[in-house]
């Protein structure tokens, strides 16, 4: 998984420090998330989304598969 936490923070005019203070975690942890070295849990992503007032999907890179060359799952018959 790759996240957009750093991009969304910039869009909202916030910084890593704001997340550190809100989540009460180490600044190194937020730095690893922003630099995509590690990923937060889904519950933490939800807390970040709530804090930044964005849909949780905004924190993730888009996944538009409409142009995919791979045959999609058709379901069981």
PDB file of N, CA and C in Angstrom:
ATOM      1  N   UNK A   1       0.846  -1.180   0.000  1.00  0.00           N
ATOM      2  CA  UNK A   1       0.000   0.000   0.000  1.00  0.00           C
ATOM      3  C   UNK A   1       0.888   1.239   0.000  1.00  0.00           C
ATOM      4  N   UNK A   2       0.494   2.215  -0.753  1.00  0.00           N
ATOM      5  CA  UNK A   2       1.175   3.503  -0.775  1.00  0.00           C
ATOM      6  C   UNK A   2       0.144   4.547  -0.361  1.00  0.00           C
ATOM      7  N   UNK A   3       0.568   5.458   0.515  1.00  0.00           N
ATOM      8  CA  UNK A   3      -0.386   6.464   0.988  1.00  0.00           C
ATOM      9  C   UNK A   3      -0.043   7.856   0.468  1.00  0.00           C
ATOM     10  N   UNK A   4      -0.995   8.757   0.665  1.00  0.00           N
ATOM     11  CA  UNK A   4      -0.865  10.161   0.270  1.00  0.00           C
ATOM     12  C   UNK A   4      -0.912  11.080   1.490  1.00  0.00           C
ATOM     13  N   UNK A   5      -0.539  10.568   2.635  1.00  0.00           N
ATOM     14  CA  UNK A   5      -0.668  11.361   3.865  1.00  0.00           C
ATOM     15  C   UNK A   5       0.076  12.682   3.738  1.00  0.00           C
ATOM     16  N   UNK A   6       1.310  12.652   3.267  1.00  0.00           N
ATOM     17  CA  UNK A   6       2.090  13.879   3.127  1.00  0.00           C
ATOM     18  C   UNK A   6       1.430  14.882   2.196  1.00  0.00           C
ATOM     19  N   UNK A   7       0.911  14.396   1.073  1.00  0.00           N
ATOM     20  CA  UNK A   7       0.244  15.272   0.108  1.00  0.00           C
ATOM     21  C   UNK A   7      -1.010  15.905   0.708  1.00  0.00           C
ATOM     22  N   UNK A   8      -1.792  15.096   1.403  1.00  0.00           N
ATOM     23  CA  UNK A   8      -3.036  15.606   1.995  1.00  0.00           C
ATOM     24  C   UNK A   8      -2.729  16.599   3.115  1.00  0.00           C
ATOM     25  N   UNK A   9      -1.692  16.321   3.888  1.00  0.00           N
ATOM     26  CA  UNK A   9      -1.290  17.292   4.920  1.00  0.00           C
ATOM     27  C   UNK A   9      -0.988  18.643   4.275  1.00  0.00           C
ATOM     28  N   UNK A  10      -0.223  18.632   3.189  1.00  0.00           N
ATOM     29  CA  UNK A  10       0.102  19.893   2.494  1.00  0.00           C
ATOM     30  C   UNK A  10      -1.153  20.576   1.968  1.00  0.00           C
ATOM     31  N   UNK A  11      -2.036  19.780   1.351  1.00  0.00           N
ATOM     32  CA  UNK A  11      -3.283  20.336   0.819  1.00  0.00           C
ATOM     33  C   UNK A  11      -4.103  21.026   1.908  1.00  0.00           C
ATOM     34  N   UNK A  12      -4.051  20.485   3.112  1.00  0.00           N
ATOM     35  CA  UNK A  12      -4.829  21.029   4.232  1.00  0.00           C
ATOM     36  C   UNK A  12      -4.068  22.100   5.011  1.00  0.00           C
ATOM     37  N   UNK A  13      -2.820  22.366   4.632  1.00  0.00           N
ATOM     38  CA  UNK A  13      -2.035  23.363   5.353  1.00  0.00           C
ATOM     39  C   UNK A  13      -1.549  22.860   6.703  1.00  0.00           C
ATOM     40  N   UNK A  14      -1.435  21.558   6.834  1.00  0.00           N
ATOM     41  CA  UNK A  14      -0.982  20.944   8.084  1.00  0.00           C
ATOM     42  C   UNK A  14       0.403  20.343   7.881  1.00  0.00           C
ATOM     43  N   UNK A  15       1.006  19.911   8.961  1.00  0.00           N
ATOM     44  CA  UNK A  15       2.319  19.295   8.891  1.00  0.00           C
ATOM     45  C   UNK A  15       2.404  18.042   9.733  1.00  0.00           C
ATOM     46  N   UNK A  16       3.537  17.392   9.637  1.00  0.00           N
ATOM     47  CA  UNK A  16       3.757  16.176  10.418  1.00  0.00           C
ATOM     48  C   UNK A  16       3.517  16.420  11.903  1.00  0.00           C
ATOM     49  N   UNK A  17       3.960  17.577  12.382  1.00  0.00           N
ATOM     50  CA  UNK A  17       3.834  17.898  13.808  1.00  0.00           C
ATOM     51  C   UNK A  17       2.381  17.871  14.266  1.00  0.00           C
ATOM     52  N   UNK A  18       1.482  18.300  13.394  1.00  0.00           N
ATOM     53  CA  UNK A  18       0.062  18.294  13.734  1.00  0.00           C
ATOM     54  C   UNK A  18      -0.433  16.866  13.988  1.00  0.00           C
ATOM     55  N   UNK A  19       0.009  15.927  13.162  1.00  0.00           N
ATOM     56  CA  UNK A  19      -0.371  14.528  13.379  1.00  0.00           C
ATOM     57  C   UNK A  19       0.270  13.960  14.633  1.00  0.00           C
ATOM     58  N   UNK A  20       1.529  14.321  14.867  1.00  0.00           N
ATOM     59  CA  UNK A  20       2.229  13.865  16.071  1.00  0.00           C
ATOM     60  C   UNK A  20       1.448  14.284  17.311  1.00  0.00           C
ATOM     61  N   UNK A  21       1.047  15.532  17.345  1.00  0.00           N
ATOM     62  CA  UNK A  21       0.315  16.047  18.508  1.00  0.00           C
ATOM     63  C   UNK A  21      -1.074  15.432  18.626  1.00  0.00           C
ATOM     64  N   UNK A  22      -1.766  15.281  17.504  1.00  0.00           N
ATOM     65  CA  UNK A  22      -3.118  14.727  17.534  1.00  0.00           C
ATOM     66  C   UNK A  22      -3.108  13.258  17.948  1.00  0.00           C
ATOM     67  N   UNK A  23      -2.227  12.474  17.357  1.00  0.00           N
ATOM     68  CA  UNK A  23      -2.191  11.036  17.621  1.00  0.00           C
ATOM     69  C   UNK A  23      -1.354  10.666  18.844  1.00  0.00           C
ATOM     70  N   UNK A  24      -0.596  11.657  19.354  1.00  0.00           N
ATOM     71  CA  UNK A  24       0.277  11.431  20.513  1.00  0.00           C
ATOM     72  C   UNK A  24       1.248  10.272  20.256  1.00  0.00           C
ATOM     73  N   UNK A  25       1.957  10.405  19.121  1.00  0.00           N
ATOM     74  CA  UNK A  25       2.932   9.393  18.724  1.00  0.00           C
ATOM     75  C   UNK A  25       4.265  10.060  18.423  1.00  0.00           C
ATOM     76  N   UNK A  26       5.269   9.263  18.184  1.00  0.00           N
ATOM     77  CA  UNK A  26       6.606   9.766  17.881  1.00  0.00           C
ATOM     78  C   UNK A  26       6.649  10.404  16.491  1.00  0.00           C
ATOM     79  N   UNK A  27       7.436  11.460  16.367  1.00  0.00           N
ATOM     80  CA  UNK A  27       7.551  12.132  15.072  1.00  0.00           C
ATOM     81  C   UNK A  27       8.163  11.223  14.015  1.00  0.00           C
ATOM     82  N   UNK A  28       8.999  10.287  14.441  1.00  0.00           N
ATOM     83  CA  UNK A  28       9.613   9.353  13.493  1.00  0.00           C
ATOM     84  C   UNK A  28       8.576   8.446  12.842  1.00  0.00           C
ATOM     85  N   UNK A  29       7.545   8.103  13.600  1.00  0.00           N
ATOM     86  CA  UNK A  29       6.476   7.258  13.066  1.00  0.00           C
ATOM     87  C   UNK A  29       5.747   7.983  11.941  1.00  0.00           C
ATOM     88  N   UNK A  30       5.380   9.223  12.179  1.00  0.00           N
ATOM     89  CA  UNK A  30       4.692  10.012  11.147  1.00  0.00           C
ATOM     90  C   UNK A  30       5.604  10.199   9.945  1.00  0.00           C
ATOM     91  N   UNK A  31       6.865  10.461  10.181  1.00  0.00           N
ATOM     92  CA  UNK A  31       7.821  10.623   9.090  1.00  0.00           C
ATOM     93  C   UNK A  31       7.888   9.364   8.224  1.00  0.00           C
ATOM     94  N   UNK A  32       7.885   8.193   8.853  1.00  0.00           N
ATOM     95  CA  UNK A  32       7.916   6.940   8.085  1.00  0.00           C
ATOM     96  C   UNK A  32       6.652   6.774   7.252  1.00  0.00           C
ATOM     97  N   UNK A  33       5.507   7.202   7.781  1.00  0.00           N
ATOM     98  CA  UNK A  33       4.268   7.131   7.003  1.00  0.00           C
ATOM     99  C   UNK A  33       4.321   8.075   5.814  1.00  0.00           C
ATOM    100  N   UNK A  34       4.711   9.313   6.079  1.00  0.00           N
ATOM    101  CA  UNK A  34       4.741  10.340   5.035  1.00  0.00           C
ATOM    102  C   UNK A  34       5.709   9.948   3.920  1.00  0.00           C
ATOM    103  N   UNK A  35       6.792   9.287   4.276  1.00  0.00           N
ATOM    104  CA  UNK A  35       7.787   8.866   3.289  1.00  0.00           C
ATOM    105  C   UNK A  35       7.541   7.452   2.766  1.00  0.00           C
ATOM    106  N   UNK A  36       6.405   6.874   3.125  1.00  0.00           N
ATOM    107  CA  UNK A  36       6.010   5.539   2.685  1.00  0.00           C
ATOM    108  C   UNK A  36       7.026   4.453   3.008  1.00  0.00           C
ATOM    109  N   UNK A  37       7.686   4.597   4.140  1.00  0.00           N
ATOM    110  CA  UNK A  37       8.598   3.556   4.629  1.00  0.00           C
ATOM    111  C   UNK A  37       7.806   2.504   5.413  1.00  0.00           C
ATOM    112  N   UNK A  38       6.758   2.934   6.082  1.00  0.00           N
ATOM    113  CA  UNK A  38       5.829   2.075   6.810  1.00  0.00           C
ATOM    114  C   UNK A  38       4.434   2.628   6.564  1.00  0.00           C
ATOM    115  N   UNK A  39       3.432   1.823   6.880  1.00  0.00           N
ATOM    116  CA  UNK A  39       2.060   2.254   6.673  1.00  0.00           C
ATOM    117  C   UNK A  39       1.283   2.184   7.990  1.00  0.00           C
ATOM    118  N   UNK A  40       0.402   3.150   8.206  1.00  0.00           N
ATOM    119  CA  UNK A  40      -0.441   3.103   9.411  1.00  0.00           C
ATOM    120  C   UNK A  40      -1.503   2.014   9.271  1.00  0.00           C
ATOM    121  N   UNK A  41      -2.047   1.620  10.390  1.00  0.00           N
ATOM    122  CA  UNK A  41      -3.157   0.660  10.370  1.00  0.00           C
ATOM    123  C   UNK A  41      -4.391   1.332   9.777  1.00  0.00           C
ATOM    124  N   UNK A  42      -5.361   0.532   9.428  1.00  0.00           N
ATOM    125  CA  UNK A  42      -6.609   1.074   8.891  1.00  0.00           C
ATOM    126  C   UNK A  42      -7.291   1.963   9.928  1.00  0.00           C
ATOM    127  N   UNK A  43      -7.268   1.561  11.186  1.00  0.00           N
ATOM    128  CA  UNK A  43      -7.905   2.396  12.218  1.00  0.00           C
ATOM    129  C   UNK A  43      -7.164   3.724  12.373  1.00  0.00           C
ATOM    130  N   UNK A  44      -5.849   3.707  12.226  1.00  0.00           N
ATOM    131  CA  UNK A  44      -5.090   4.960  12.297  1.00  0.00           C
ATOM    132  C   UNK A  44      -5.371   5.817  11.074  1.00  0.00           C
ATOM    133  N   UNK A  45      -5.455   5.201   9.894  1.00  0.00           N
ATOM    134  CA  UNK A  45      -5.827   5.953   8.688  1.00  0.00           C
ATOM    135  C   UNK A  45      -7.182   6.623   8.881  1.00  0.00           C
ATOM    136  N   UNK A  46      -8.107   5.909   9.507  1.00  0.00           N
ATOM    137  CA  UNK A  46      -9.429   6.478   9.762  1.00  0.00           C
ATOM    138  C   UNK A  46      -9.336   7.681  10.696  1.00  0.00           C
ATOM    139  N   UNK A  47      -8.511   7.573  11.727  1.00  0.00           N
ATOM    140  CA  UNK A  47      -8.329   8.700  12.659  1.00  0.00           C
ATOM    141  C   UNK A  47      -7.705   9.893  11.949  1.00  0.00           C
ATOM    142  N   UNK A  48      -6.726   9.634  11.081  1.00  0.00           N
ATOM    143  CA  UNK A  48      -6.085  10.713  10.319  1.00  0.00           C
ATOM    144  C   UNK A  48      -7.113  11.378   9.408  1.00  0.00           C
ATOM    145  N   UNK A  49      -7.916  10.565   8.728  1.00  0.00           N
ATOM    146  CA  UNK A  49      -8.948  11.101   7.832  1.00  0.00           C
ATOM    147  C   UNK A  49      -9.943  11.964   8.595  1.00  0.00           C
ATOM    148  N   UNK A  50     -10.342  11.501   9.771  1.00  0.00           N
ATOM    149  CA  UNK A  50     -11.276  12.278  10.583  1.00  0.00           C
ATOM    150  C   UNK A  50     -10.637  13.595  11.013  1.00  0.00           C
ATOM    151  N   UNK A  51      -9.385  13.533  11.451  1.00  0.00           N
ATOM    152  CA  UNK A  51      -8.663  14.734  11.884  1.00  0.00           C
ATOM    153  C   UNK A  51      -8.546  15.747  10.745  1.00  0.00           C
ATOM    154  N   UNK A  52      -8.232  15.262   9.543  1.00  0.00           N
ATOM    155  CA  UNK A  52      -8.056  16.157   8.390  1.00  0.00           C
ATOM    156  C   UNK A  52      -9.374  16.460   7.673  1.00  0.00           C
ATOM    157  N   UNK A  53     -10.465  15.813   8.134  1.00  0.00           N
ATOM    158  CA  UNK A  53     -11.801  16.001   7.544  1.00  0.00           C
ATOM    159  C   UNK A  53     -11.798  15.664   6.047  1.00  0.00           C
ATOM    160  N   UNK A  54     -11.249  14.473   5.739  1.00  0.00           N
ATOM    161  CA  UNK A  54     -11.259  13.974   4.366  1.00  0.00           C
ATOM    162  C   UNK A  54     -11.783  12.546   4.380  1.00  0.00           C
ATOM    163  N   UNK A  55     -12.244  12.088   3.245  1.00  0.00           N
ATOM    164  CA  UNK A  55     -12.628  10.692   3.095  1.00  0.00           C
ATOM    165  C   UNK A  55     -11.351   9.861   3.215  1.00  0.00           C
ATOM    166  N   UNK A  56     -11.423   8.740   3.890  1.00  0.00           N
ATOM    167  CA  UNK A  56     -10.238   7.903   4.102  1.00  0.00           C
ATOM    168  C   UNK A  56      -9.572   7.533   2.776  1.00  0.00           C
ATOM    169  N   UNK A  57     -10.353   7.434   1.714  1.00  0.00           N
ATOM    170  CA  UNK A  57      -9.798   7.094   0.405  1.00  0.00           C
ATOM    171  C   UNK A  57      -8.862   8.164  -0.122  1.00  0.00           C
ATOM    172  N   UNK A  58      -9.029   9.397   0.335  1.00  0.00           N
ATOM    173  CA  UNK A  58      -8.132  10.482  -0.072  1.00  0.00           C
ATOM    174  C   UNK A  58      -6.706  10.252   0.408  1.00  0.00           C
ATOM    175  N   UNK A  59      -6.555   9.446   1.449  1.00  0.00           N
ATOM    176  CA  UNK A  59      -5.230   9.176   2.005  1.00  0.00           C
ATOM    177  C   UNK A  59      -4.494   8.081   1.246  1.00  0.00           C
ATOM    178  N   UNK A  60      -5.174   7.447   0.307  1.00  0.00           N
ATOM    179  CA  UNK A  60      -4.578   6.370  -0.477  1.00  0.00           C
ATOM    180  C   UNK A  60      -4.467   6.785  -1.936  1.00  0.00           C
ATOM    181  N   UNK A  61      -3.496   6.218  -2.631  1.00  0.00           N
ATOM    182  CA  UNK A  61      -3.388   6.498  -4.055  1.00  0.00           C
ATOM    183  C   UNK A  61      -4.575   5.896  -4.770  1.00  0.00           C
ATOM    184  N   UNK A  62      -5.103   6.595  -5.769  1.00  0.00           N
ATOM    185  CA  UNK A  62      -6.278   6.095  -6.486  1.00  0.00           C
ATOM    186  C   UNK A  62      -5.981   4.765  -7.187  1.00  0.00           C
ATOM    187  N   UNK A  63      -7.000   3.964  -7.323  1.00  0.00           N
ATOM    188  CA  UNK A  63      -6.849   2.683  -8.005  1.00  0.00           C
ATOM    189  C   UNK A  63      -7.962   2.526  -9.028  1.00  0.00           C
ATOM    190  N   UNK A  64      -7.817   3.192 -10.161  1.00  0.00           N
ATOM    191  CA  UNK A  64      -8.791   3.107 -11.246  1.00  0.00           C
ATOM    192  C   UNK A  64      -8.350   1.983 -12.182  1.00  0.00           C
ATOM    193  N   UNK A  65      -9.107   0.910 -12.171  1.00  0.00           N
ATOM    194  CA  UNK A  65      -8.751  -0.253 -12.981  1.00  0.00           C
ATOM    195  C   UNK A  65      -9.515  -0.292 -14.302  1.00  0.00           C
ATOM    196  N   UNK A  66     -10.188   0.771 -14.679  1.00  0.00           N
ATOM    197  CA  UNK A  66     -11.008   0.754 -15.888  1.00  0.00           C
ATOM    198  C   UNK A  66     -10.190   0.527 -17.154  1.00  0.00           C
ATOM    199  N   UNK A  67      -8.910   0.868 -17.146  1.00  0.00           N
ATOM    200  CA  UNK A  67      -8.041   0.690 -18.319  1.00  0.00           C
ATOM    201  C   UNK A  67      -7.153  -0.542 -18.193  1.00  0.00           C
ATOM    202  N   UNK A  68      -7.375  -1.380 -17.197  1.00  0.00           N
ATOM    203  CA  UNK A  68      -6.536  -2.551 -16.959  1.00  0.00           C
ATOM    204  C   UNK A  68      -6.638  -3.544 -18.116  1.00  0.00           C
ATOM    205  N   UNK A  69      -5.522  -4.156 -18.454  1.00  0.00           N
ATOM    206  CA  UNK A  69      -5.464  -5.175 -19.505  1.00  0.00           C
ATOM    207  C   UNK A  69      -5.747  -6.575 -18.949  1.00  0.00           C
ATOM    208  N   UNK A  70      -5.836  -6.686 -17.628  1.00  0.00           N
ATOM    209  CA  UNK A  70      -6.066  -7.972 -16.981  1.00  0.00           C
ATOM    210  C   UNK A  70      -7.563  -8.277 -16.982  1.00  0.00           C
ATOM    211  N   UNK A  71      -7.905  -9.527 -17.340  1.00  0.00           N
ATOM    212  CA  UNK A  71      -9.309  -9.920 -17.326  1.00  0.00           C
ATOM    213  C   UNK A  71      -9.789  -9.968 -15.874  1.00  0.00           C
ATOM    214  N   UNK A  72     -10.839  -9.266 -15.596  1.00  0.00           N
ATOM    215  CA  UNK A  72     -11.367  -9.184 -14.242  1.00  0.00           C
ATOM    216  C   UNK A  72     -12.114 -10.446 -13.820  1.00  0.00           C
ATOM    217  N   UNK A  73     -12.298 -10.586 -12.546  1.00  0.00           N
ATOM    218  CA  UNK A  73     -13.032 -11.697 -11.966  1.00  0.00           C
ATOM    219  C   UNK A  73     -14.479 -11.650 -12.421  1.00  0.00           C
ATOM    220  N   UNK A  74     -14.986 -12.763 -12.885  1.00  0.00           N
ATOM    221  CA  UNK A  74     -16.360 -12.818 -13.412  1.00  0.00           C
ATOM    222  C   UNK A  74     -17.348 -13.385 -12.416  1.00  0.00           C
ATOM    223  N   UNK A  75     -16.863 -13.940 -11.334  1.00  0.00           N
ATOM    224  CA  UNK A  75     -17.752 -14.544 -10.343  1.00  0.00           C
ATOM    225  C   UNK A  75     -17.926 -16.026 -10.629  1.00  0.00           C
ATOM    226  N   UNK A  76     -18.389 -16.724  -9.625  1.00  0.00           N
ATOM    227  CA  UNK A  76     -18.611 -18.172  -9.742  1.00  0.00           C
ATOM    228  C   UNK A  76     -19.987 -18.430 -10.319  1.00  0.00           C
ATOM    229  N   UNK A  77     -20.064 -19.474 -11.116  1.00  0.00           N
ATOM    230  CA  UNK A  77     -21.344 -19.815 -11.750  1.00  0.00           C
ATOM    231  C   UNK A  77     -21.886 -21.095 -11.224  1.00  0.00           C
TER     232      UNK A  77
END
